[in-house]
Each structure stands twice: as structure tokens, then as C-alpha cells.
Amino acid sequence: MARYTESKCRICRREGTKLFLKGDRCYTDKCAYERRAYPPGEHGRARKKHSDYAIQLREKQKVRRMYGLLEGQFRKYFDIADSRKGATGENLLILLEKRLDNVVYRLGFANSRIQARQLVRHNHIAVNGRRVNIPSYIVKEGDVVSVLEKSKKMLLFQEAQDVLARRGAPGWVDVDGNELKGTIKATPVRDDITFPINEQLIVELYSK
């Protein structure tokens, strides 16, 4: 499957905001976006007037890259969100939040969503006591997401409480840092997503 393999910091600079793709580095003064908050490339500092389409596209690319999805995957989630009752944009964000790799990241078990996806793929995560290695698995209310017993000795997981203390957990999960597990207390709602996203621009883009 095609994946972006170049510098992750270029993505943040291109989208004009910190997407926290590199974990701890994003919280330090080494963050490339903090040092060069303008698009990469020879003409990155040039002032440009963006069309409505360009603004909508950038918003879609920002969200897609933040959650680490390919275009086909993202469009599939949009179509599912559009088929459900309620606001399509909110449905889309809630679906993305309920992906297993995102939940592992939200619980503080990983420094980034990229790392969380790798942990799921490498069989370190269980849902309701059963190993799940599918990052796109959608969790449900009442599910218990945990680190497998054999993996708890990994340094990464031993530092999970520090990661959680620095970043915090959303209100729709209940985290037990000592046992390295979290319970899905409720379905996330739009207010739980504090990252600056204008989902209506994505809806307008796909509605053209």
C-alpha cells in the first residue's frame, strides 16, 4: 500500500498547522513547524491568494493526513458518514476518532497515530481481551482496549503514563495507566475533537 515516506514535518508546514505526526518532537523547540511556519519549497514564503476550492482541498488534506489515510480510504469514510443520519461532517470525524489506531493514540499508548498503527499491526493491542491487528477496526461503546500482557514490558508502554499526563485523554475514554487499558465510555461527539477542523469545507468539497 502506498504511504508517504518523506519528512513528516513537511506535511505540517504544507498544511499550515501542527498535526503532531512525530510524537514528542512536536512538543519541543525542535519542531520544524515552530521554526519555519510556512510551506516548504522555494516559494513557500510567497503570499498567495487561495480559491475556495484550494481552501476546501487543504482542509480535506489536513484531516486525511492527520489520521494517516489514503484518499480512497478517506472517501470511503465520507460516503459512510453521508449515508448516516445527522451532519455528515460530524459523522465523518466521529468515525475517524473511533478507529482503533486513533484510540490507541488517544489512550496515550503511542506517541503518534503512525506509531499507534504500527503497534496495532504488530499484534500488541487487544480489544475485549482478543488480539486485533486491524488499525481501521471501529471500536464501540463498552469496548476495552488494552496492551497484550507480553508487550507490557516494552519501554514505550512503560512511559505511557507520562505521555498521557502531557497530552491528556478525551472524555469519552476511561484510562487505567497502571493496567495499560482503556474503556470506551461513550461514543465521541464533535465537542470532544478540539483540534481546529472545519469539516463543512470537506463536505462542500465532496459535494461539488
N, C-alpha and C. Protein backbone atom coordinates (compact mmCIF):
# COMPACT_ATOMS: atom_id res chain seq x y z
N MET A 1 0.84 -1.19 0.00
CA MET A 1 0.00 0.00 0.00
C MET A 1 0.89 1.25 0.00
N ALA A 2 0.52 2.23 -0.79
CA ALA A 2 1.31 3.46 -0.89
C ALA A 2 1.23 4.25 0.40
N ARG A 3 2.40 4.72 0.85
CA ARG A 3 2.46 5.54 2.05
C ARG A 3 3.47 6.65 1.84
N TYR A 4 3.22 7.78 2.48
CA TYR A 4 4.16 8.90 2.42
C TYR A 4 5.37 8.54 3.28
N THR A 5 6.56 8.55 2.67
CA THR A 5 7.77 8.11 3.38
C THR A 5 8.78 9.23 3.57
N GLU A 6 8.46 10.43 3.14
CA GLU A 6 9.40 11.54 3.29
C GLU A 6 9.18 12.24 4.64
N SER A 7 9.79 13.38 4.85
CA SER A 7 9.74 14.08 6.13
C SER A 7 8.30 14.41 6.54
N LYS A 8 7.92 13.97 7.73
CA LYS A 8 6.57 14.25 8.23
C LYS A 8 6.39 15.74 8.52
N CYS A 9 7.49 16.41 8.88
CA CYS A 9 7.40 17.83 9.22
C CYS A 9 7.00 18.68 8.01
N ARG A 10 7.33 18.22 6.82
CA ARG A 10 6.94 18.94 5.61
C ARG A 10 5.41 18.96 5.46
N ILE A 11 4.77 17.89 5.94
CA ILE A 11 3.31 17.83 5.85
C ILE A 11 2.69 18.92 6.72
N CYS A 12 3.18 19.05 7.96
CA CYS A 12 2.65 20.09 8.85
C CYS A 12 2.86 21.48 8.25
N ARG A 13 4.03 21.70 7.71
CA ARG A 13 4.31 23.01 7.11
C ARG A 13 3.43 23.26 5.90
N ARG A 14 3.17 22.22 5.12
CA ARG A 14 2.33 22.36 3.93
C ARG A 14 0.89 22.69 4.31
N GLU A 15 0.40 22.05 5.39
CA GLU A 15 -0.98 22.27 5.79
C GLU A 15 -1.15 23.48 6.70
N GLY A 16 -0.05 24.09 7.11
CA GLY A 16 -0.13 25.32 7.90
C GLY A 16 -0.55 25.14 9.34
N THR A 17 -0.34 23.94 9.89
CA THR A 17 -0.67 23.70 11.29
C THR A 17 0.06 22.47 11.78
N LYS A 18 0.23 22.35 13.08
CA LYS A 18 0.90 21.19 13.65
C LYS A 18 -0.07 20.02 13.69
N LEU A 19 0.31 18.92 13.05
CA LEU A 19 -0.52 17.72 13.03
C LEU A 19 -0.04 16.67 14.01
N PHE A 20 1.04 16.97 14.73
CA PHE A 20 1.59 16.07 15.75
C PHE A 20 1.88 14.68 15.19
N LEU A 21 2.59 14.66 14.06
CA LEU A 21 2.92 13.41 13.39
C LEU A 21 4.19 12.75 13.91
N LYS A 22 4.98 13.49 14.70
CA LYS A 22 6.25 12.96 15.16
C LYS A 22 6.34 12.82 16.68
N GLY A 23 5.18 12.74 17.33
CA GLY A 23 5.17 12.46 18.75
C GLY A 23 5.82 13.53 19.60
N ASP A 24 6.74 13.11 20.47
CA ASP A 24 7.36 14.02 21.44
C ASP A 24 8.05 15.21 20.78
N ARG A 25 8.62 15.00 19.62
CA ARG A 25 9.35 16.08 18.95
C ARG A 25 8.45 17.29 18.70
N CYS A 26 7.19 17.05 18.48
CA CYS A 26 6.25 18.13 18.18
C CYS A 26 6.03 19.06 19.37
N TYR A 27 6.39 18.59 20.56
CA TYR A 27 6.19 19.39 21.77
C TYR A 27 7.46 20.14 22.18
N THR A 28 8.52 20.03 21.38
CA THR A 28 9.79 20.67 21.72
C THR A 28 10.11 21.79 20.73
N ASP A 29 11.20 22.51 21.03
CA ASP A 29 11.61 23.59 20.13
C ASP A 29 12.29 23.06 18.87
N LYS A 30 12.41 21.74 18.76
CA LYS A 30 12.96 21.13 17.55
C LYS A 30 11.91 20.97 16.45
N CYS A 31 10.67 21.23 16.80
CA CYS A 31 9.58 21.09 15.83
C CYS A 31 9.84 22.00 14.63
N ALA A 32 9.84 21.41 13.44
CA ALA A 32 10.14 22.17 12.22
C ALA A 32 9.08 23.23 11.95
N TYR A 33 7.83 22.95 12.32
CA TYR A 33 6.78 23.93 12.06
C TYR A 33 6.96 25.16 12.95
N GLU A 34 7.43 24.96 14.18
CA GLU A 34 7.67 26.10 15.07
C GLU A 34 8.82 26.96 14.53
N ARG A 35 9.77 26.34 13.91
CA ARG A 35 10.94 27.07 13.42
C ARG A 35 10.70 27.70 12.05
N ARG A 36 9.86 27.03 11.24
CA ARG A 36 9.59 27.54 9.88
C ARG A 36 8.11 27.36 9.58
N ALA A 37 7.32 28.26 10.08
CA ALA A 37 5.86 28.14 9.93
C ALA A 37 5.38 28.68 8.59
N TYR A 38 5.92 28.14 7.53
CA TYR A 38 5.49 28.50 6.17
C TYR A 38 5.68 27.26 5.29
N PRO A 39 4.97 27.17 4.17
CA PRO A 39 5.04 25.98 3.33
C PRO A 39 6.46 25.71 2.84
N PRO A 40 6.82 24.44 2.65
CA PRO A 40 8.15 24.11 2.15
C PRO A 40 8.30 24.48 0.68
N GLY A 41 9.51 24.53 0.23
CA GLY A 41 9.76 24.83 -1.18
C GLY A 41 10.30 26.23 -1.41
N GLU A 42 10.76 26.46 -2.60
CA GLU A 42 11.40 27.73 -2.96
C GLU A 42 10.49 28.93 -2.77
N HIS A 43 9.19 28.73 -3.04
CA HIS A 43 8.25 29.85 -2.97
C HIS A 43 7.34 29.76 -1.74
N GLY A 44 7.81 29.06 -0.72
CA GLY A 44 6.98 28.85 0.46
C GLY A 44 6.57 30.11 1.18
N ARG A 45 7.44 31.13 1.17
CA ARG A 45 7.14 32.37 1.89
C ARG A 45 6.30 33.35 1.07
N ALA A 46 6.11 33.06 -0.19
CA ALA A 46 5.36 33.98 -1.04
C ALA A 46 3.89 34.01 -0.64
N ARG A 47 3.32 35.19 -0.64
CA ARG A 47 1.90 35.34 -0.33
C ARG A 47 1.06 34.90 -1.53
N LYS A 48 0.07 34.06 -1.25
CA LYS A 48 -0.76 33.54 -2.33
C LYS A 48 -2.23 33.75 -1.99
N LYS A 49 -3.00 34.05 -3.00
CA LYS A 49 -4.44 34.17 -2.82
C LYS A 49 -5.06 32.84 -3.21
N HIS A 50 -5.74 32.20 -2.24
CA HIS A 50 -6.29 30.86 -2.47
C HIS A 50 -7.75 30.94 -2.91
N SER A 51 -8.11 30.09 -3.85
CA SER A 51 -9.50 29.99 -4.29
C SER A 51 -10.29 29.21 -3.24
N ASP A 52 -11.62 29.25 -3.37
CA ASP A 52 -12.47 28.47 -2.44
C ASP A 52 -12.14 26.99 -2.54
N TYR A 53 -11.91 26.51 -3.76
CA TYR A 53 -11.58 25.10 -3.94
C TYR A 53 -10.28 24.74 -3.23
N ALA A 54 -9.29 25.61 -3.34
CA ALA A 54 -8.00 25.34 -2.71
C ALA A 54 -8.13 25.28 -1.19
N ILE A 55 -8.95 26.14 -0.62
CA ILE A 55 -9.16 26.16 0.82
C ILE A 55 -9.85 24.86 1.27
N GLN A 56 -10.85 24.44 0.49
CA GLN A 56 -11.55 23.19 0.81
C GLN A 56 -10.61 21.99 0.69
N LEU A 57 -9.80 21.98 -0.34
CA LEU A 57 -8.87 20.88 -0.56
C LEU A 57 -7.85 20.79 0.56
N ARG A 58 -7.32 21.93 0.97
CA ARG A 58 -6.32 21.93 2.05
C ARG A 58 -6.92 21.40 3.36
N GLU A 59 -8.18 21.74 3.62
CA GLU A 59 -8.82 21.26 4.85
C GLU A 59 -8.98 19.74 4.80
N LYS A 60 -9.37 19.24 3.64
CA LYS A 60 -9.51 17.79 3.49
C LYS A 60 -8.17 17.09 3.63
N GLN A 61 -7.14 17.65 3.01
CA GLN A 61 -5.81 17.06 3.09
C GLN A 61 -5.28 17.09 4.52
N LYS A 62 -5.57 18.16 5.22
CA LYS A 62 -5.11 18.28 6.62
C LYS A 62 -5.68 17.15 7.47
N VAL A 63 -7.00 16.93 7.37
CA VAL A 63 -7.63 15.89 8.18
C VAL A 63 -7.18 14.51 7.73
N ARG A 64 -7.10 14.30 6.43
CA ARG A 64 -6.68 12.99 5.90
C ARG A 64 -5.27 12.64 6.37
N ARG A 65 -4.39 13.62 6.34
CA ARG A 65 -3.01 13.36 6.75
C ARG A 65 -2.87 13.24 8.26
N MET A 66 -3.70 13.95 8.99
CA MET A 66 -3.65 13.86 10.44
C MET A 66 -3.98 12.44 10.90
N TYR A 67 -4.99 11.84 10.27
CA TYR A 67 -5.38 10.48 10.64
C TYR A 67 -4.62 9.41 9.84
N GLY A 68 -3.79 9.84 8.89
CA GLY A 68 -2.93 8.91 8.17
C GLY A 68 -3.65 8.01 7.20
N LEU A 69 -4.59 8.56 6.43
CA LEU A 69 -5.37 7.76 5.50
C LEU A 69 -5.04 8.08 4.04
N LEU A 70 -5.20 7.09 3.19
CA LEU A 70 -5.10 7.32 1.76
C LEU A 70 -6.40 7.93 1.26
N GLU A 71 -6.37 8.49 0.06
CA GLU A 71 -7.54 9.19 -0.46
C GLU A 71 -8.75 8.25 -0.57
N GLY A 72 -8.53 7.03 -1.07
CA GLY A 72 -9.63 6.09 -1.20
C GLY A 72 -10.26 5.72 0.13
N GLN A 73 -9.43 5.54 1.14
CA GLN A 73 -9.93 5.24 2.47
C GLN A 73 -10.75 6.39 3.02
N PHE A 74 -10.23 7.60 2.85
CA PHE A 74 -10.91 8.78 3.38
C PHE A 74 -12.26 8.97 2.70
N ARG A 75 -12.29 8.77 1.40
CA ARG A 75 -13.55 8.93 0.66
C ARG A 75 -14.57 7.88 1.10
N LYS A 76 -14.09 6.69 1.41
CA LYS A 76 -15.00 5.64 1.89
C LYS A 76 -15.65 6.04 3.20
N TYR A 77 -14.85 6.61 4.10
CA TYR A 77 -15.41 7.07 5.38
C TYR A 77 -16.42 8.19 5.15
N PHE A 78 -16.12 9.07 4.20
CA PHE A 78 -17.05 10.16 3.91
C PHE A 78 -18.38 9.60 3.41
N ASP A 79 -18.33 8.62 2.52
CA ASP A 79 -19.56 8.04 1.98
C ASP A 79 -20.38 7.37 3.09
N ILE A 80 -19.71 6.70 4.02
CA ILE A 80 -20.42 6.09 5.15
C ILE A 80 -21.06 7.17 6.01
N ALA A 81 -20.30 8.24 6.28
CA ALA A 81 -20.82 9.34 7.10
C ALA A 81 -22.01 9.99 6.42
N ASP A 82 -21.95 10.13 5.10
CA ASP A 82 -23.02 10.78 4.35
C ASP A 82 -24.30 9.95 4.36
N SER A 83 -24.16 8.64 4.49
CA SER A 83 -25.33 7.76 4.47
C SER A 83 -26.03 7.67 5.83
N ARG A 84 -25.42 8.22 6.86
CA ARG A 84 -25.99 8.14 8.20
C ARG A 84 -26.77 9.41 8.53
N LYS A 85 -27.63 9.31 9.52
CA LYS A 85 -28.41 10.46 9.96
C LYS A 85 -27.49 11.46 10.65
N GLY A 86 -27.87 12.72 10.59
CA GLY A 86 -27.08 13.75 11.24
C GLY A 86 -26.19 14.49 10.27
N ALA A 87 -25.35 15.36 10.80
CA ALA A 87 -24.45 16.17 9.98
C ALA A 87 -23.32 15.31 9.44
N THR A 88 -23.14 15.33 8.13
CA THR A 88 -22.13 14.48 7.51
C THR A 88 -20.73 14.75 8.03
N GLY A 89 -20.38 16.02 8.20
CA GLY A 89 -19.04 16.36 8.66
C GLY A 89 -18.76 15.82 10.05
N GLU A 90 -19.72 15.96 10.95
CA GLU A 90 -19.54 15.45 12.31
C GLU A 90 -19.47 13.93 12.30
N ASN A 91 -20.32 13.29 11.50
CA ASN A 91 -20.28 11.83 11.39
C ASN A 91 -18.91 11.35 10.92
N LEU A 92 -18.33 12.08 9.99
CA LEU A 92 -17.02 11.72 9.46
C LEU A 92 -15.96 11.76 10.55
N LEU A 93 -15.91 12.85 11.29
CA LEU A 93 -14.89 13.00 12.33
C LEU A 93 -15.07 11.96 13.43
N ILE A 94 -16.31 11.65 13.79
CA ILE A 94 -16.56 10.65 14.82
C ILE A 94 -16.11 9.27 14.36
N LEU A 95 -16.35 8.95 13.09
CA LEU A 95 -15.88 7.67 12.54
C LEU A 95 -14.35 7.57 12.62
N LEU A 96 -13.67 8.64 12.27
CA LEU A 96 -12.21 8.64 12.29
C LEU A 96 -11.70 8.51 13.72
N GLU A 97 -12.39 9.14 14.67
CA GLU A 97 -11.98 9.05 16.07
C GLU A 97 -12.12 7.63 16.60
N LYS A 98 -13.06 6.88 16.09
CA LYS A 98 -13.34 5.54 16.61
C LYS A 98 -12.46 4.46 15.99
N ARG A 99 -11.57 4.83 15.08
CA ARG A 99 -10.61 3.86 14.55
C ARG A 99 -9.70 3.38 15.67
N LEU A 100 -9.34 2.11 15.65
CA LEU A 100 -8.53 1.54 16.72
C LEU A 100 -7.18 2.23 16.84
N ASP A 101 -6.52 2.53 15.73
CA ASP A 101 -5.21 3.19 15.83
C ASP A 101 -5.33 4.55 16.50
N ASN A 102 -6.41 5.28 16.20
CA ASN A 102 -6.61 6.58 16.85
C ASN A 102 -6.90 6.42 18.34
N VAL A 103 -7.66 5.39 18.70
CA VAL A 103 -7.98 5.15 20.11
C VAL A 103 -6.71 4.82 20.89
N VAL A 104 -5.84 4.00 20.32
CA VAL A 104 -4.57 3.67 20.97
C VAL A 104 -3.76 4.95 21.20
N TYR A 105 -3.76 5.84 20.22
CA TYR A 105 -3.08 7.13 20.36
C TYR A 105 -3.73 7.98 21.43
N ARG A 106 -5.06 8.05 21.45
CA ARG A 106 -5.78 8.86 22.42
C ARG A 106 -5.57 8.35 23.85
N LEU A 107 -5.38 7.05 23.99
CA LEU A 107 -5.18 6.47 25.32
C LEU A 107 -3.78 6.73 25.86
N GLY A 108 -2.89 7.24 25.02
CA GLY A 108 -1.53 7.53 25.44
C GLY A 108 -0.59 6.36 25.30
N PHE A 109 -1.02 5.29 24.61
CA PHE A 109 -0.17 4.12 24.44
C PHE A 109 0.84 4.32 23.31
N ALA A 110 0.70 5.38 22.54
CA ALA A 110 1.61 5.67 21.43
C ALA A 110 1.85 7.17 21.36
N ASN A 111 3.00 7.55 20.85
CA ASN A 111 3.36 8.96 20.74
C ASN A 111 2.73 9.65 19.54
N SER A 112 2.30 8.87 18.56
CA SER A 112 1.68 9.43 17.35
C SER A 112 0.73 8.40 16.77
N ARG A 113 -0.12 8.82 15.88
CA ARG A 113 -1.03 7.88 15.24
C ARG A 113 -0.27 6.91 14.35
N ILE A 114 0.82 7.37 13.77
CA ILE A 114 1.65 6.48 12.94
C ILE A 114 2.21 5.35 13.79
N GLN A 115 2.72 5.70 14.96
CA GLN A 115 3.25 4.68 15.87
C GLN A 115 2.12 3.77 16.37
N ALA A 116 0.96 4.35 16.64
CA ALA A 116 -0.18 3.55 17.10
C ALA A 116 -0.58 2.52 16.04
N ARG A 117 -0.58 2.93 14.78
CA ARG A 117 -0.92 1.99 13.71
C ARG A 117 0.08 0.84 13.65
N GLN A 118 1.35 1.16 13.86
CA GLN A 118 2.37 0.12 13.84
C GLN A 118 2.19 -0.85 15.01
N LEU A 119 1.84 -0.32 16.19
CA LEU A 119 1.63 -1.18 17.35
C LEU A 119 0.46 -2.14 17.13
N VAL A 120 -0.60 -1.64 16.51
CA VAL A 120 -1.74 -2.50 16.21
C VAL A 120 -1.34 -3.56 15.20
N ARG A 121 -0.65 -3.16 14.16
CA ARG A 121 -0.23 -4.09 13.12
C ARG A 121 0.70 -5.19 13.66
N HIS A 122 1.51 -4.84 14.65
CA HIS A 122 2.49 -5.78 15.19
C HIS A 122 1.94 -6.58 16.37
N ASN A 123 0.64 -6.62 16.50
CA ASN A 123 -0.02 -7.52 17.45
C ASN A 123 0.28 -7.21 18.92
N HIS A 124 0.27 -5.92 19.27
CA HIS A 124 0.47 -5.54 20.66
C HIS A 124 -0.82 -5.12 21.36
N ILE A 125 -1.91 -5.03 20.61
CA ILE A 125 -3.16 -4.46 21.13
C ILE A 125 -4.30 -5.48 21.09
N ALA A 126 -5.12 -5.44 22.13
CA ALA A 126 -6.29 -6.32 22.20
C ALA A 126 -7.55 -5.49 22.42
N VAL A 127 -8.66 -5.99 21.94
CA VAL A 127 -9.97 -5.39 22.19
C VAL A 127 -10.84 -6.45 22.86
N ASN A 128 -11.31 -6.13 24.06
CA ASN A 128 -12.09 -7.08 24.85
C ASN A 128 -11.35 -8.41 25.04
N GLY A 129 -10.03 -8.30 25.23
CA GLY A 129 -9.22 -9.48 25.52
C GLY A 129 -8.77 -10.26 24.31
N ARG A 130 -9.20 -9.88 23.13
CA ARG A 130 -8.82 -10.59 21.91
C ARG A 130 -7.92 -9.70 21.05
N ARG A 131 -6.84 -10.28 20.59
CA ARG A 131 -5.87 -9.52 19.79
C ARG A 131 -6.53 -9.03 18.49
N VAL A 132 -6.30 -7.76 18.20
CA VAL A 132 -6.81 -7.16 16.96
C VAL A 132 -5.65 -6.44 16.28
N ASN A 133 -5.37 -6.79 15.03
CA ASN A 133 -4.25 -6.16 14.31
C ASN A 133 -4.72 -5.38 13.09
N ILE A 134 -5.94 -4.86 13.16
CA ILE A 134 -6.51 -4.08 12.06
C ILE A 134 -6.68 -2.64 12.52
N PRO A 135 -5.83 -1.72 12.06
CA PRO A 135 -5.90 -0.32 12.53
C PRO A 135 -7.25 0.34 12.29
N SER A 136 -7.97 -0.07 11.24
CA SER A 136 -9.24 0.56 10.91
C SER A 136 -10.42 -0.02 11.68
N TYR A 137 -10.16 -0.96 12.56
CA TYR A 137 -11.22 -1.55 13.38
C TYR A 137 -11.95 -0.43 14.13
N ILE A 138 -13.28 -0.43 14.08
CA ILE A 138 -14.09 0.61 14.72
C ILE A 138 -14.53 0.13 16.10
N VAL A 139 -14.11 0.86 17.13
CA VAL A 139 -14.49 0.48 18.49
C VAL A 139 -15.93 0.89 18.77
N LYS A 140 -16.51 0.25 19.78
CA LYS A 140 -17.89 0.55 20.17
C LYS A 140 -17.93 0.89 21.65
N GLU A 141 -19.01 1.52 22.05
CA GLU A 141 -19.18 1.86 23.45
C GLU A 141 -19.13 0.59 24.31
N GLY A 142 -18.34 0.61 25.36
CA GLY A 142 -18.19 -0.55 26.23
C GLY A 142 -16.98 -1.40 25.93
N ASP A 143 -16.35 -1.21 24.76
CA ASP A 143 -15.15 -1.97 24.41
C ASP A 143 -14.00 -1.61 25.35
N VAL A 144 -13.16 -2.60 25.63
CA VAL A 144 -11.97 -2.39 26.44
C VAL A 144 -10.75 -2.61 25.55
N VAL A 145 -9.97 -1.56 25.37
CA VAL A 145 -8.75 -1.63 24.55
C VAL A 145 -7.56 -1.73 25.49
N SER A 146 -6.73 -2.74 25.30
CA SER A 146 -5.63 -2.97 26.23
C SER A 146 -4.36 -3.40 25.49
N VAL A 147 -3.25 -3.30 26.21
CA VAL A 147 -1.97 -3.79 25.70
C VAL A 147 -1.84 -5.26 26.11
N LEU A 148 -1.44 -6.10 25.18
CA LEU A 148 -1.28 -7.52 25.50
C LEU A 148 -0.22 -7.71 26.58
N GLU A 149 -0.43 -8.70 27.42
CA GLU A 149 0.44 -8.93 28.57
C GLU A 149 1.90 -9.06 28.17
N LYS A 150 2.15 -9.75 27.08
CA LYS A 150 3.53 -9.99 26.66
C LYS A 150 4.24 -8.72 26.20
N SER A 151 3.46 -7.67 25.90
CA SER A 151 4.03 -6.43 25.37
C SER A 151 4.21 -5.34 26.43
N LYS A 152 3.68 -5.56 27.63
CA LYS A 152 3.68 -4.50 28.64
C LYS A 152 5.07 -4.11 29.11
N LYS A 153 6.06 -4.96 28.92
CA LYS A 153 7.41 -4.66 29.38
C LYS A 153 8.16 -3.74 28.42
N MET A 154 7.57 -3.48 27.26
CA MET A 154 8.22 -2.59 26.30
C MET A 154 8.35 -1.19 26.90
N LEU A 155 9.51 -0.56 26.68
CA LEU A 155 9.77 0.77 27.23
C LEU A 155 8.70 1.76 26.81
N LEU A 156 8.24 1.64 25.58
CA LEU A 156 7.22 2.55 25.07
C LEU A 156 5.98 2.55 25.96
N PHE A 157 5.52 1.38 26.35
CA PHE A 157 4.32 1.29 27.16
C PHE A 157 4.58 1.68 28.61
N GLN A 158 5.81 1.47 29.08
CA GLN A 158 6.15 1.86 30.44
C GLN A 158 6.12 3.39 30.60
N GLU A 159 6.29 4.10 29.49
CA GLU A 159 6.26 5.56 29.51
C GLU A 159 4.88 6.13 29.19
N ALA A 160 3.89 5.24 29.08
CA ALA A 160 2.56 5.66 28.64
C ALA A 160 1.93 6.68 29.59
N GLN A 161 2.14 6.51 30.89
CA GLN A 161 1.53 7.44 31.84
C GLN A 161 2.08 8.85 31.68
N ASP A 162 3.38 8.96 31.37
CA ASP A 162 3.97 10.28 31.13
C ASP A 162 3.38 10.92 29.89
N VAL A 163 3.18 10.11 28.85
CA VAL A 163 2.59 10.61 27.61
C VAL A 163 1.18 11.10 27.87
N LEU A 164 0.41 10.31 28.63
CA LEU A 164 -0.98 10.67 28.92
C LEU A 164 -1.06 11.93 29.77
N ALA A 165 -0.14 12.06 30.73
CA ALA A 165 -0.14 13.25 31.60
C ALA A 165 0.15 14.51 30.79
N ARG A 166 1.02 14.39 29.79
CA ARG A 166 1.37 15.54 28.97
C ARG A 166 0.26 15.91 27.99
N ARG A 167 -0.40 14.90 27.45
CA ARG A 167 -1.35 15.14 26.37
C ARG A 167 -2.79 15.12 26.84
N GLY A 168 -3.10 14.33 27.86
CA GLY A 168 -4.48 14.20 28.33
C GLY A 168 -5.29 13.26 27.46
N ALA A 169 -6.39 12.78 27.99
CA ALA A 169 -7.27 11.85 27.27
C ALA A 169 -8.64 12.49 27.09
N PRO A 170 -9.32 12.18 26.00
CA PRO A 170 -10.67 12.74 25.79
C PRO A 170 -11.66 12.17 26.79
N GLY A 171 -12.77 12.86 26.96
CA GLY A 171 -13.74 12.46 27.97
C GLY A 171 -14.49 11.18 27.66
N TRP A 172 -14.44 10.71 26.41
CA TRP A 172 -15.20 9.51 26.06
C TRP A 172 -14.45 8.22 26.33
N VAL A 173 -13.23 8.30 26.89
CA VAL A 173 -12.49 7.10 27.27
C VAL A 173 -12.10 7.18 28.75
N ASP A 174 -11.98 6.02 29.37
CA ASP A 174 -11.53 5.93 30.75
C ASP A 174 -10.25 5.11 30.75
N VAL A 175 -9.14 5.72 31.16
CA VAL A 175 -7.83 5.10 31.04
C VAL A 175 -7.33 4.60 32.38
N ASP A 176 -6.83 3.37 32.40
CA ASP A 176 -6.14 2.81 33.56
C ASP A 176 -4.67 2.67 33.16
N GLY A 177 -3.86 3.67 33.54
CA GLY A 177 -2.47 3.68 33.14
C GLY A 177 -1.65 2.55 33.71
N ASN A 178 -2.00 2.09 34.91
CA ASN A 178 -1.25 1.01 35.54
C ASN A 178 -1.47 -0.33 34.82
N GLU A 179 -2.70 -0.56 34.42
CA GLU A 179 -3.04 -1.81 33.73
C GLU A 179 -2.89 -1.70 32.22
N LEU A 180 -2.59 -0.49 31.75
CA LEU A 180 -2.45 -0.23 30.31
C LEU A 180 -3.69 -0.69 29.54
N LYS A 181 -4.81 -0.16 29.97
CA LYS A 181 -6.06 -0.45 29.26
C LYS A 181 -6.98 0.75 29.35
N GLY A 182 -7.90 0.82 28.44
CA GLY A 182 -8.86 1.91 28.42
C GLY A 182 -10.23 1.41 28.01
N THR A 183 -11.25 2.00 28.58
CA THR A 183 -12.63 1.61 28.28
C THR A 183 -13.32 2.72 27.50
N ILE A 184 -14.03 2.34 26.46
CA ILE A 184 -14.79 3.31 25.67
C ILE A 184 -16.08 3.60 26.42
N LYS A 185 -16.14 4.74 27.10
CA LYS A 185 -17.30 5.07 27.93
C LYS A 185 -18.50 5.49 27.11
N ALA A 186 -18.25 6.14 26.00
CA ALA A 186 -19.35 6.67 25.19
C ALA A 186 -18.86 6.92 23.77
N THR A 187 -19.80 7.12 22.88
CA THR A 187 -19.43 7.49 21.52
C THR A 187 -18.94 8.94 21.52
N PRO A 188 -17.80 9.21 20.90
CA PRO A 188 -17.31 10.60 20.89
C PRO A 188 -18.30 11.53 20.19
N VAL A 189 -18.30 12.78 20.62
CA VAL A 189 -19.14 13.79 19.99
C VAL A 189 -18.23 14.88 19.44
N ARG A 190 -18.80 15.78 18.68
CA ARG A 190 -17.99 16.80 18.00
C ARG A 190 -17.18 17.64 18.99
N ASP A 191 -17.74 17.95 20.12
CA ASP A 191 -17.03 18.79 21.09
C ASP A 191 -15.80 18.12 21.67
N ASP A 192 -15.71 16.80 21.54
CA ASP A 192 -14.54 16.09 22.05
C ASP A 192 -13.32 16.29 21.16
N ILE A 193 -13.54 16.75 19.95
CA ILE A 193 -12.44 16.94 19.00
C ILE A 193 -12.06 18.41 19.02
N THR A 194 -11.01 18.72 19.76
CA THR A 194 -10.63 20.12 19.96
C THR A 194 -9.67 20.65 18.91
N PHE A 195 -9.13 19.76 18.08
CA PHE A 195 -8.22 20.20 17.02
C PHE A 195 -8.99 21.08 16.04
N PRO A 196 -8.40 22.19 15.59
CA PRO A 196 -9.12 23.11 14.70
C PRO A 196 -9.41 22.50 13.33
N ILE A 197 -10.64 22.05 13.16
CA ILE A 197 -11.07 21.45 11.89
C ILE A 197 -12.38 22.08 11.48
N ASN A 198 -12.47 22.47 10.22
CA ASN A 198 -13.73 22.97 9.67
C ASN A 198 -14.26 21.89 8.73
N GLU A 199 -14.99 20.94 9.28
CA GLU A 199 -15.45 19.79 8.49
C GLU A 199 -16.43 20.18 7.39
N GLN A 200 -17.09 21.34 7.52
CA GLN A 200 -18.03 21.75 6.49
C GLN A 200 -17.31 22.00 5.16
N LEU A 201 -16.06 22.43 5.22
CA LEU A 201 -15.29 22.62 3.99
C LEU A 201 -15.08 21.30 3.25
N ILE A 202 -14.90 20.21 4.01
CA ILE A 202 -14.73 18.89 3.40
C ILE A 202 -16.03 18.45 2.74
N VAL A 203 -17.14 18.70 3.42
CA VAL A 203 -18.44 18.35 2.84
C VAL A 203 -18.69 19.11 1.56
N GLU A 204 -18.35 20.40 1.55
CA GLU A 204 -18.52 21.22 0.36
C GLU A 204 -17.65 20.72 -0.78
N LEU A 205 -16.43 20.29 -0.46
CA LEU A 205 -15.52 19.80 -1.49
C LEU A 205 -16.08 18.55 -2.17
N TYR A 206 -16.51 17.61 -1.38
CA TYR A 206 -17.03 16.33 -1.93
C TYR A 206 -18.42 16.49 -2.54
N SER A 207 -19.08 17.60 -2.28
CA SER A 207 -20.42 17.81 -2.81
C SER A 207 -20.41 18.46 -4.18
N LYS A 208 -19.22 18.81 -4.66
CA LYS A 208 -19.15 19.50 -5.95
C LYS A 208 -19.52 18.56 -7.08
